[in-house]
Amino acid sequence: MQAKELAKKIKSNSAPCVIDVRSGFEFRSGHIPGALHTPAWRILLRLSPLPGDKKTSLVVTCEHGPRAQIAVSLLKLAGYPDIELLDGHMAGWRRGGLPLEK
């Protein structure tokens, strides 16, 4: 999903569930508004507070991409079929000047 498209959906309260798989420090330094902080290792160990409805649309992000790709694989194994990666990841979100929560 394109960052600007996600930002529009967030603004209109129609956004998918955003899963941020970065470290706690990275997440606290600034994240997409409303994002759920769920590092990939927590998904692997089934310790993540994921949506109960597995049909929920998910957008996964990390800083540059590798952790998000791992998380997508883990989420698919957990039964979530509707998953997208955020194009450009968090680095692209910040470059686009899009809003951050702290």
C-alpha atoms as a PDB file:
ATOM      1  CA  MET A   1       0.000   0.000   0.000  1.00  0.00           C
ATOM      2  CA  GLN A   2       1.256   3.450  -0.852  1.00  0.00           C
ATOM      3  CA  ALA A   3       2.011   5.702   2.128  1.00  0.00           C
ATOM      4  CA  LYS A   4      -0.192   8.573   0.934  1.00  0.00           C
ATOM      5  CA  GLU A   5      -3.094   6.172   0.361  1.00  0.00           C
ATOM      6  CA  LEU A   6      -2.717   4.839   3.919  1.00  0.00           C
ATOM      7  CA  ALA A   7      -2.530   8.379   5.320  1.00  0.00           C
ATOM      8  CA  LYS A   8      -5.816   9.246   3.557  1.00  0.00           C
ATOM      9  CA  LYS A   9      -7.487   6.131   4.945  1.00  0.00           C
ATOM     10  CA  ILE A  10      -6.269   6.948   8.458  1.00  0.00           C
ATOM     11  CA  LYS A  11      -7.627  10.474   8.149  1.00  0.00           C
ATOM     12  CA  SER A  12     -11.026   9.164   6.984  1.00  0.00           C
ATOM     13  CA  ASN A  13     -11.165   6.478   9.727  1.00  0.00           C
ATOM     14  CA  SER A  14     -11.177   3.677   7.145  1.00  0.00           C
ATOM     15  CA  ALA A  15      -7.631   2.424   7.605  1.00  0.00           C
ATOM     16  CA  PRO A  16      -6.599  -1.199   7.797  1.00  0.00           C
ATOM     17  CA  CYS A  17      -4.851  -2.371  10.952  1.00  0.00           C
ATOM     18  CA  VAL A  18      -1.255  -1.132  10.779  1.00  0.00           C
ATOM     19  CA  ILE A  19       1.275  -3.525  12.298  1.00  0.00           C
ATOM     20  CA  ASP A  20       4.655  -1.950  13.140  1.00  0.00           C
ATOM     21  CA  VAL A  21       7.286  -4.650  13.695  1.00  0.00           C
ATOM     22  CA  ARG A  22      10.195  -2.384  14.657  1.00  0.00           C
ATOM     23  CA  SER A  23      11.915  -2.353  18.040  1.00  0.00           C
ATOM     24  CA  GLY A  24      10.369  -0.576  21.012  1.00  0.00           C
ATOM     25  CA  PHE A  25      12.878   2.262  20.721  1.00  0.00           C
ATOM     26  CA  GLU A  26      12.097   2.748  17.037  1.00  0.00           C
ATOM     27  CA  PHE A  27       8.346   2.641  17.670  1.00  0.00           C
ATOM     28  CA  ARG A  28       8.548   5.172  20.511  1.00  0.00           C
ATOM     29  CA  SER A  29      10.627   7.542  18.365  1.00  0.00           C
ATOM     30  CA  GLY A  30       7.650   7.920  16.022  1.00  0.00           C
ATOM     31  CA  HIS A  31       5.094   5.643  14.380  1.00  0.00           C
ATOM     32  CA  ILE A  32       2.104   5.756  12.068  1.00  0.00           C
ATOM     33  CA  PRO A  33      -0.943   7.053  13.957  1.00  0.00           C
ATOM     34  CA  GLY A  34      -2.920   4.161  15.427  1.00  0.00           C
ATOM     35  CA  ALA A  35      -0.280   1.552  14.586  1.00  0.00           C
ATOM     36  CA  LEU A  36      -0.085  -1.605  16.675  1.00  0.00           C
ATOM     37  CA  HIS A  37       3.433  -2.271  17.959  1.00  0.00           C
ATOM     38  CA  THR A  38       4.089  -5.953  17.371  1.00  0.00           C
ATOM     39  CA  PRO A  39       7.735  -6.972  16.827  1.00  0.00           C
ATOM     40  CA  ALA A  40       8.124 -10.007  14.578  1.00  0.00           C
ATOM     41  CA  TRP A  41       9.484 -12.164  17.404  1.00  0.00           C
ATOM     42  CA  ARG A  42       6.234 -11.606  19.327  1.00  0.00           C
ATOM     43  CA  ILE A  43       4.250 -12.780  16.307  1.00  0.00           C
ATOM     44  CA  LEU A  44       6.459 -15.875  16.100  1.00  0.00           C
ATOM     45  CA  LEU A  45       5.889 -16.703  19.777  1.00  0.00           C
ATOM     46  CA  ARG A  46       2.158 -15.836  19.522  1.00  0.00           C
ATOM     47  CA  LEU A  47       2.494 -13.106  22.136  1.00  0.00           C
ATOM     48  CA  SER A  48       1.136 -10.321  19.935  1.00  0.00           C
ATOM     49  CA  PRO A  49      -2.186  -8.557  20.481  1.00  0.00           C
ATOM     50  CA  LEU A  50      -3.364  -9.206  16.922  1.00  0.00           C
ATOM     51  CA  PRO A  51      -6.910  -8.613  15.648  1.00  0.00           C
ATOM     52  CA  GLY A  52      -9.262 -11.441  16.605  1.00  0.00           C
ATOM     53  CA  ASP A  53     -10.925 -11.421  13.184  1.00  0.00           C
ATOM     54  CA  LYS A  54      -8.404 -13.022  10.840  1.00  0.00           C
ATOM     55  CA  LYS A  55     -10.163 -11.427   7.855  1.00  0.00           C
ATOM     56  CA  THR A  56      -9.020  -7.986   9.063  1.00  0.00           C
ATOM     57  CA  SER A  57      -6.940  -6.128   6.479  1.00  0.00           C
ATOM     58  CA  LEU A  58      -3.380  -5.602   7.688  1.00  0.00           C
ATOM     59  CA  VAL A  59      -0.581  -3.293   6.559  1.00  0.00           C
ATOM     60  CA  VAL A  60       2.839  -4.261   7.908  1.00  0.00           C
ATOM     61  CA  THR A  61       5.813  -1.953   8.229  1.00  0.00           C
ATOM     62  CA  CYS A  62       9.319  -1.817   9.651  1.00  0.00           C
ATOM     63  CA  GLU A  63      12.125   0.649   8.989  1.00  0.00           C
ATOM     64  CA  HIS A  64      13.412  -0.653   5.630  1.00  0.00           C
ATOM     65  CA  GLY A  65      11.585  -3.910   4.798  1.00  0.00           C
ATOM     66  CA  PRO A  66      13.250  -7.160   5.959  1.00  0.00           C
ATOM     67  CA  ARG A  67      11.493  -7.466   9.318  1.00  0.00           C
ATOM     68  CA  ALA A  68       8.153  -6.630   7.721  1.00  0.00           C
ATOM     69  CA  GLN A  69       8.630  -9.374   5.123  1.00  0.00           C
ATOM     70  CA  ILE A  70       9.331 -11.895   7.895  1.00  0.00           C
ATOM     71  CA  ALA A  71       6.260 -10.684   9.792  1.00  0.00           C
ATOM     72  CA  VAL A  72       4.056 -11.074   6.696  1.00  0.00           C
ATOM     73  CA  SER A  73       5.140 -14.712   6.411  1.00  0.00           C
ATOM     74  CA  LEU A  74       4.418 -15.303  10.105  1.00  0.00           C
ATOM     75  CA  LEU A  75       1.013 -13.616   9.877  1.00  0.00           C
ATOM     76  CA  LYS A  76       0.060 -15.710   6.863  1.00  0.00           C
ATOM     77  CA  LEU A  77       1.031 -18.838   8.795  1.00  0.00           C
ATOM     78  CA  ALA A  78      -1.179 -17.594  11.643  1.00  0.00           C
ATOM     79  CA  GLY A  79      -4.143 -17.428   9.256  1.00  0.00           C
ATOM     80  CA  TYR A  80      -4.293 -13.763   8.178  1.00  0.00           C
ATOM     81  CA  PRO A  81      -4.846 -13.730   4.387  1.00  0.00           C
ATOM     82  CA  ASP A  82      -5.266  -9.982   3.710  1.00  0.00           C
ATOM     83  CA  ILE A  83      -1.817  -8.466   4.279  1.00  0.00           C
ATOM     84  CA  GLU A  84       0.073  -5.716   2.473  1.00  0.00           C
ATOM     85  CA  LEU A  85       3.489  -4.186   2.997  1.00  0.00           C
ATOM     86  CA  LEU A  86       3.758  -0.417   3.322  1.00  0.00           C
ATOM     87  CA  ASP A  87       5.598   0.799   0.215  1.00  0.00           C
ATOM     88  CA  GLY A  88       8.758   2.609   1.272  1.00  0.00           C
ATOM     89  CA  HIS A  89       8.278   1.431   4.860  1.00  0.00           C
ATOM     90  CA  MET A  90       8.768   3.904   7.736  1.00  0.00           C
ATOM     91  CA  ALA A  91      11.737   5.570   6.041  1.00  0.00           C
ATOM     92  CA  GLY A  92       9.453   6.448   3.118  1.00  0.00           C
ATOM     93  CA  TRP A  93       6.635   7.536   5.454  1.00  0.00           C
ATOM     94  CA  ARG A  94       8.969  10.054   7.116  1.00  0.00           C
ATOM     95  CA  ARG A  95      10.450  11.206   3.774  1.00  0.00           C
ATOM     96  CA  GLY A  96       6.886  11.930   2.647  1.00  0.00           C
ATOM     97  CA  GLY A  97       6.368  14.209   5.661  1.00  0.00           C
ATOM     98  CA  LEU A  98       3.400  12.132   6.812  1.00  0.00           C
ATOM     99  CA  PRO A  99       2.132  12.364  10.424  1.00  0.00           C
ATOM    100  CA  LEU A 100       3.815  10.504  13.283  1.00  0.00           C
ATOM    101  CA  GLU A 101       2.630   9.662  16.782  1.00  0.00           C
ATOM    102  CA  LYS A 102       4.998   9.429  19.707  1.00  0.00           C
END
